[in-house]
Structures are given as structure tokens and as C-alpha cells.
Amino acid sequence: MPDIEPAPFRLCLDLNVWCAAVLSEARGRSGSATQFLVDVARRGVSEFGPTQVVISWGMIDRLSLVLGRDMGFTRAAIETIAAEIALTAQIGPAGLAPLLVLGGAGLVPLRDAEDAHVLEVAFAGRARLLATANFDDFISYRTTVLQRGKIALCRSFEHEVIIAHPAIAAGWLRTGEIRLG
């Protein structure tokens, strides 16, 4: 009988997580929750086992814009960061290239279009966990808040995504145990 490997744990990182990690690294800092989350994405492994980053080309493009316009990174640095993130997704345990999510169908009713796109990507990529520092921006009528400002569940017709603050998400990925209460 052939060995059947478990499906990878799918992780979506909001743009603020990527930005915070890149900025911390550029400033010579280490050990932050966001840096740990990005490191898990890069390595493709956590205490849950194989871990696949879920991201879209739209998210990578938006990150590139923010890094240049708001954070002052050079075009060469931005291109390197964007290429590394795309490659991280492609060589992850599921080999999931950055998704192309075409337009929103209005299925994710959030005030901010960028946040709606991130949540749509999390659903499209079957992410189990979405880490974001902008927790409240992801709350809608489809969301059940479990810990105010820290943990929520968002449901679509076929999938459920846990939304968590980066420090909590990092703790779960370190232990391999999700505690919703």
C-alpha cells in the first residue's frame, strides 16, 4: 500500500504580517511573532507538519507597492522580496503557486476591499489559519468572535478560516495546537 502523506497545514499571512517581518529584519531585529510566521512560511514546516503559505499575486503586488511607497525600499529590494515570497509558495509542500483570485463575488462582505481580497484568498487557498494584526477589519456577519481582538472563525459555504492575531498564530504554530477558547 502506498504511503499517503497528510495534507499540509495551510497558512495565510495578511500583508501587515509580511510588512512587519520585513521591516523588523531590515532594522536588525529578531524574534518577533511576525518574523516567526514568515519563517514558517519560508521553511514550509511548523509543529503542524508540512505548512503551505497561501498568497495571491494581488497580495504580492500590493505588498510591493507598500514596501516602495510607504516604507522606502528600493525597486531591487522589492523585487527580491516579492520573488522570494512567490517562490516560497511554489516550493512549499503543496507546491501552491500564488493564486490568481479574479474579482470578488461579494461573498466576503468587508468594508475594505484589500482585506476582503485577503480573506477571499484564504478561502480560495483552503487556508486553515489567517494571521493578521488588523483583526477587527476582518469581522463581518459571517464571523464568530471567540476572543475579542484576537481570535475569530469565518465561515464560507464550504470552508472555515480561523483568524488570529500574529502572536496567537505564532504560538499555535510553535506548539502544533490550536486553542480557540
C-alpha atoms as a PDB file:
ATOM      1  CA  MET A   1       0.000   0.000   0.000  1.00  0.00           C
ATOM      2  CA  PRO A   2       1.447   3.449  -0.894  1.00  0.00           C
ATOM      3  CA  ASP A   3       2.276   5.937   1.813  1.00  0.00           C
ATOM      4  CA  ILE A   4      -0.227   8.750   1.949  1.00  0.00           C
ATOM      5  CA  GLU A   5       1.245  11.953   3.261  1.00  0.00           C
ATOM      6  CA  PRO A   6      -1.003  14.254   5.276  1.00  0.00           C
ATOM      7  CA  ALA A   7      -2.292  17.380   3.583  1.00  0.00           C
ATOM      8  CA  PRO A   8      -0.176  20.389   4.533  1.00  0.00           C
ATOM      9  CA  PHE A   9      -1.396  22.913   7.055  1.00  0.00           C
ATOM     10  CA  ARG A  10      -2.353  25.992   5.024  1.00  0.00           C
ATOM     11  CA  LEU A  11      -1.404  29.404   6.380  1.00  0.00           C
ATOM     12  CA  CYS A  12      -2.372  32.825   5.013  1.00  0.00           C
ATOM     13  CA  LEU A  13      -0.460  35.858   6.247  1.00  0.00           C
ATOM     14  CA  ASP A  14      -2.057  39.280   5.898  1.00  0.00           C
ATOM     15  CA  LEU A  15       0.071  41.973   4.296  1.00  0.00           C
ATOM     16  CA  ASN A  16       0.666  43.662   7.659  1.00  0.00           C
ATOM     17  CA  VAL A  17       2.391  40.467   8.855  1.00  0.00           C
ATOM     18  CA  TRP A  18       4.737  40.420   5.838  1.00  0.00           C
ATOM     19  CA  CYS A  19       5.421  44.175   6.223  1.00  0.00           C
ATOM     20  CA  ALA A  20       6.161  43.936   9.947  1.00  0.00           C
ATOM     21  CA  ALA A  21       8.524  41.000   9.418  1.00  0.00           C
ATOM     22  CA  VAL A  22      10.376  42.681   6.545  1.00  0.00           C
ATOM     23  CA  LEU A  23      10.670  45.937   8.493  1.00  0.00           C
ATOM     24  CA  SER A  24      11.924  44.138  11.624  1.00  0.00           C
ATOM     25  CA  GLU A  25      14.510  42.267   9.588  1.00  0.00           C
ATOM     26  CA  ALA A  26      15.649  45.490   7.877  1.00  0.00           C
ATOM     27  CA  ARG A  27      16.094  47.102  11.301  1.00  0.00           C
ATOM     28  CA  GLY A  28      18.167  44.190  12.577  1.00  0.00           C
ATOM     29  CA  ARG A  29      15.541  42.922  14.975  1.00  0.00           C
ATOM     30  CA  SER A  30      14.769  39.273  15.556  1.00  0.00           C
ATOM     31  CA  GLY A  31      12.337  37.048  17.386  1.00  0.00           C
ATOM     32  CA  SER A  32       9.037  38.788  16.690  1.00  0.00           C
ATOM     33  CA  ALA A  33       5.836  36.838  16.111  1.00  0.00           C
ATOM     34  CA  THR A  34       5.599  38.174  12.553  1.00  0.00           C
ATOM     35  CA  GLN A  35       9.168  37.099  11.802  1.00  0.00           C
ATOM     36  CA  PHE A  36       8.392  33.637  13.151  1.00  0.00           C
ATOM     37  CA  LEU A  37       5.279  33.393  10.947  1.00  0.00           C
ATOM     38  CA  VAL A  38       7.226  34.425   7.840  1.00  0.00           C
ATOM     39  CA  ASP A  39       9.977  31.976   8.767  1.00  0.00           C
ATOM     40  CA  VAL A  40       7.395  29.169   8.982  1.00  0.00           C
ATOM     41  CA  ALA A  41       6.120  30.187   5.546  1.00  0.00           C
ATOM     42  CA  ARG A  42       9.664  30.179   4.139  1.00  0.00           C
ATOM     43  CA  ARG A  43      10.624  26.820   5.677  1.00  0.00           C
ATOM     44  CA  GLY A  44       7.301  25.177   4.851  1.00  0.00           C
ATOM     45  CA  VAL A  45       7.084  23.447   8.197  1.00  0.00           C
ATOM     46  CA  SER A  46       5.576  24.071  11.630  1.00  0.00           C
ATOM     47  CA  GLU A  47       4.600  21.897  14.553  1.00  0.00           C
ATOM     48  CA  PHE A  48       1.519  21.026  12.476  1.00  0.00           C
ATOM     49  CA  GLY A  49       3.870  19.374   9.986  1.00  0.00           C
ATOM     50  CA  PRO A  50       4.234  20.469   6.357  1.00  0.00           C
ATOM     51  CA  THR A  51       2.953  24.045   6.139  1.00  0.00           C
ATOM     52  CA  GLN A  52       1.939  25.741   2.899  1.00  0.00           C
ATOM     53  CA  VAL A  53       1.737  29.516   2.594  1.00  0.00           C
ATOM     54  CA  VAL A  54      -1.392  30.766   0.814  1.00  0.00           C
ATOM     55  CA  ILE A  55      -0.963  34.066  -1.023  1.00  0.00           C
ATOM     56  CA  SER A  56      -2.107  35.716  -4.245  1.00  0.00           C
ATOM     57  CA  TRP A  57      -0.385  37.707  -6.949  1.00  0.00           C
ATOM     58  CA  GLY A  58      -2.630  40.605  -5.927  1.00  0.00           C
ATOM     59  CA  MET A  59      -1.312  40.422  -2.365  1.00  0.00           C
ATOM     60  CA  ILE A  60       2.288  40.306  -3.591  1.00  0.00           C
ATOM     61  CA  ASP A  61       1.656  43.310  -5.862  1.00  0.00           C
ATOM     62  CA  ARG A  62       0.071  45.269  -3.008  1.00  0.00           C
ATOM     63  CA  LEU A  63       2.958  44.369  -0.688  1.00  0.00           C
ATOM     64  CA  SER A  64       5.417  45.593  -3.332  1.00  0.00           C
ATOM     65  CA  LEU A  65       3.552  48.893  -3.556  1.00  0.00           C
ATOM     66  CA  VAL A  66       3.547  49.386   0.227  1.00  0.00           C
ATOM     67  CA  LEU A  67       7.231  48.479   0.561  1.00  0.00           C
ATOM     68  CA  GLY A  68       8.168  51.097  -2.031  1.00  0.00           C
ATOM     69  CA  ARG A  69       5.690  53.878  -1.439  1.00  0.00           C
ATOM     70  CA  ASP A  70       5.279  53.717   2.339  1.00  0.00           C
ATOM     71  CA  MET A  71       8.437  52.030   3.570  1.00  0.00           C
ATOM     72  CA  GLY A  72      11.089  53.357   1.170  1.00  0.00           C
ATOM     73  CA  PHE A  73      12.543  50.076  -0.078  1.00  0.00           C
ATOM     74  CA  THR A  74      14.413  50.175  -3.389  1.00  0.00           C
ATOM     75  CA  ARG A  75      12.941  48.601  -6.510  1.00  0.00           C
ATOM     76  CA  ALA A  76      15.657  45.900  -6.437  1.00  0.00           C
ATOM     77  CA  ALA A  77      14.900  45.033  -2.793  1.00  0.00           C
ATOM     78  CA  ILE A  78      11.172  44.918  -3.505  1.00  0.00           C
ATOM     79  CA  GLU A  79      11.643  42.632  -6.499  1.00  0.00           C
ATOM     80  CA  THR A  80      13.816  40.304  -4.414  1.00  0.00           C
ATOM     81  CA  ILE A  81      11.257  40.158  -1.590  1.00  0.00           C
ATOM     82  CA  ALA A  82       8.336  39.593  -3.993  1.00  0.00           C
ATOM     83  CA  ALA A  83      10.205  36.863  -5.890  1.00  0.00           C
ATOM     84  CA  GLU A  84      11.147  35.135  -2.624  1.00  0.00           C
ATOM     85  CA  ILE A  85       7.537  35.105  -1.441  1.00  0.00           C
ATOM     86  CA  ALA A  86       6.282  33.727  -4.776  1.00  0.00           C
ATOM     87  CA  LEU A  87       8.979  31.063  -4.754  1.00  0.00           C
ATOM     88  CA  THR A  88       8.152  30.179  -1.137  1.00  0.00           C
ATOM     89  CA  ALA A  89       4.583  29.402  -2.182  1.00  0.00           C
ATOM     90  CA  GLN A  90       5.669  27.446  -5.256  1.00  0.00           C
ATOM     91  CA  ILE A  91       8.171  25.210  -3.475  1.00  0.00           C
ATOM     92  CA  GLY A  92       6.066  24.727  -0.357  1.00  0.00           C
ATOM     93  CA  PRO A  93       4.892  21.224   0.494  1.00  0.00           C
ATOM     94  CA  ALA A  94       1.750  21.580  -1.645  1.00  0.00           C
ATOM     95  CA  GLY A  95       3.552  23.463  -4.425  1.00  0.00           C
ATOM     96  CA  LEU A  96       0.747  26.010  -4.431  1.00  0.00           C
ATOM     97  CA  ALA A  97       1.753  28.873  -6.699  1.00  0.00           C
ATOM     98  CA  PRO A  98       0.410  32.316  -5.765  1.00  0.00           C
ATOM     99  CA  LEU A  99      -3.284  32.282  -6.525  1.00  0.00           C
ATOM    100  CA  LEU A 100      -4.992  34.358  -9.142  1.00  0.00           C
ATOM    101  CA  VAL A 101      -8.233  35.402  -7.469  1.00  0.00           C
ATOM    102  CA  LEU A 102     -10.410  37.122 -10.023  1.00  0.00           C
ATOM    103  CA  GLY A 103     -12.660  39.844  -8.685  1.00  0.00           C
ATOM    104  CA  GLY A 104     -14.692  39.371  -5.575  1.00  0.00           C
ATOM    105  CA  ALA A 105     -18.074  37.842  -5.967  1.00  0.00           C
ATOM    106  CA  GLY A 106     -19.254  39.800  -2.954  1.00  0.00           C
ATOM    107  CA  LEU A 107     -19.002  36.654  -0.878  1.00  0.00           C
ATOM    108  CA  VAL A 108     -16.703  38.338   1.629  1.00  0.00           C
ATOM    109  CA  PRO A 109     -18.586  41.356   2.949  1.00  0.00           C
ATOM    110  CA  LEU A 110     -15.836  43.519   4.411  1.00  0.00           C
ATOM    111  CA  ARG A 111     -15.600  47.311   4.306  1.00  0.00           C
ATOM    112  CA  ASP A 112     -12.055  47.300   2.958  1.00  0.00           C
ATOM    113  CA  ALA A 113     -11.508  45.753  -0.498  1.00  0.00           C
ATOM    114  CA  GLU A 114      -7.900  44.804   0.324  1.00  0.00           C
ATOM    115  CA  ASP A 115      -8.963  42.899   3.442  1.00  0.00           C
ATOM    116  CA  ALA A 116     -11.807  41.255   1.502  1.00  0.00           C
ATOM    117  CA  HIS A 117      -9.246  40.111  -1.088  1.00  0.00           C
ATOM    118  CA  VAL A 118      -7.002  38.608   1.610  1.00  0.00           C
ATOM    119  CA  LEU A 119      -9.937  36.707   3.108  1.00  0.00           C
ATOM    120  CA  GLU A 120     -11.041  35.542  -0.363  1.00  0.00           C
ATOM    121  CA  VAL A 121      -7.505  34.250  -0.937  1.00  0.00           C
ATOM    122  CA  ALA A 122      -7.577  32.429   2.404  1.00  0.00           C
ATOM    123  CA  PHE A 123     -10.842  30.743   1.376  1.00  0.00           C
ATOM    124  CA  ALA A 124      -9.719  30.012  -2.195  1.00  0.00           C
ATOM    125  CA  GLY A 125      -6.445  28.510  -0.956  1.00  0.00           C
ATOM    126  CA  ARG A 126      -8.246  26.487   1.741  1.00  0.00           C
ATOM    127  CA  ALA A 127      -6.172  28.150   4.478  1.00  0.00           C
ATOM    128  CA  ARG A 128      -6.825  26.871   7.961  1.00  0.00           C
ATOM    129  CA  LEU A 129      -5.368  29.988   9.602  1.00  0.00           C
ATOM    130  CA  LEU A 130      -5.182  33.662   8.641  1.00  0.00           C
ATOM    131  CA  ALA A 131      -2.804  35.751  10.767  1.00  0.00           C
ATOM    132  CA  THR A 132      -3.429  39.500  10.869  1.00  0.00           C
ATOM    133  CA  ALA A 133      -2.696  42.456  13.124  1.00  0.00           C
ATOM    134  CA  ASN A 134      -5.786  44.194  11.690  1.00  0.00           C
ATOM    135  CA  PHE A 135      -8.114  41.740  13.382  1.00  0.00           C
ATOM    136  CA  ASP A 136     -11.181  43.980  13.594  1.00  0.00           C
ATOM    137  CA  ASP A 137     -11.069  44.696   9.842  1.00  0.00           C
ATOM    138  CA  PHE A 138     -11.898  41.041   9.150  1.00  0.00           C
ATOM    139  CA  ILE A 139     -15.091  40.891  11.219  1.00  0.00           C
ATOM    140  CA  SER A 140     -18.393  40.508   9.366  1.00  0.00           C
ATOM    141  CA  TYR A 141     -21.760  38.847   9.890  1.00  0.00           C
ATOM    142  CA  ARG A 142     -20.129  35.551   8.867  1.00  0.00           C
ATOM    143  CA  THR A 143     -17.548  35.834  11.615  1.00  0.00           C
ATOM    144  CA  THR A 144     -17.829  34.473  15.125  1.00  0.00           C
ATOM    145  CA  VAL A 145     -15.519  36.303  17.519  1.00  0.00           C
ATOM    146  CA  LEU A 146     -14.089  33.900  20.083  1.00  0.00           C
ATOM    147  CA  GLN A 147     -11.665  36.294  21.798  1.00  0.00           C
ATOM    148  CA  ARG A 148     -12.202  39.973  21.162  1.00  0.00           C
ATOM    149  CA  GLY A 149      -9.382  41.407  19.073  1.00  0.00           C
ATOM    150  CA  LYS A 150      -7.570  38.078  18.977  1.00  0.00           C
ATOM    151  CA  ILE A 151      -9.414  35.030  17.592  1.00  0.00           C
ATOM    152  CA  ALA A 152     -12.386  34.566  15.276  1.00  0.00           C
ATOM    153  CA  LEU A 153     -13.864  31.988  12.916  1.00  0.00           C
ATOM    154  CA  CYS A 154     -15.082  32.990   9.486  1.00  0.00           C
ATOM    155  CA  ARG A 155     -17.214  30.589   7.505  1.00  0.00           C
ATOM    156  CA  SER A 156     -17.999  30.332   3.834  1.00  0.00           C
ATOM    157  CA  PHE A 157     -20.326  27.762   2.326  1.00  0.00           C
ATOM    158  CA  GLU A 158     -17.623  25.086   2.208  1.00  0.00           C
ATOM    159  CA  HIS A 159     -14.736  26.201   4.382  1.00  0.00           C
ATOM    160  CA  GLU A 160     -13.840  27.753   7.720  1.00  0.00           C
ATOM    161  CA  VAL A 161     -10.838  30.001   8.369  1.00  0.00           C
ATOM    162  CA  ILE A 162      -9.505  30.820  11.802  1.00  0.00           C
ATOM    163  CA  ILE A 163      -8.481  34.479  12.031  1.00  0.00           C
ATOM    164  CA  ALA A 164      -5.921  35.208  14.726  1.00  0.00           C
ATOM    165  CA  HIS A 165      -3.580  37.909  15.931  1.00  0.00           C
ATOM    166  CA  PRO A 166       0.049  37.168  14.902  1.00  0.00           C
ATOM    167  CA  ALA A 167       1.221  36.439  18.465  1.00  0.00           C
ATOM    168  CA  ILE A 168      -1.514  33.859  18.944  1.00  0.00           C
ATOM    169  CA  ALA A 169      -0.994  32.331  15.490  1.00  0.00           C
ATOM    170  CA  ALA A 170       2.745  32.056  16.143  1.00  0.00           C
ATOM    171  CA  GLY A 171       2.076  30.322  19.460  1.00  0.00           C
ATOM    172  CA  TRP A 172      -0.145  27.761  17.768  1.00  0.00           C
ATOM    173  CA  LEU A 173       2.433  27.081  15.052  1.00  0.00           C
ATOM    174  CA  ARG A 174       5.103  26.628  17.739  1.00  0.00           C
ATOM    175  CA  THR A 175       3.063  24.075  19.684  1.00  0.00           C
ATOM    176  CA  GLY A 176       1.015  22.413  16.948  1.00  0.00           C
ATOM    177  CA  GLU A 177      -2.143  23.006  18.955  1.00  0.00           C
ATOM    178  CA  ILE A 178      -4.945  25.447  18.203  1.00  0.00           C
ATOM    179  CA  ARG A 179      -6.814  26.656  21.258  1.00  0.00           C
ATOM    180  CA  LEU A 180      -9.921  28.591  20.330  1.00  0.00           C
ATOM    181  CA  GLY A 181     -11.204  29.274  23.822  1.00  0.00           C
END
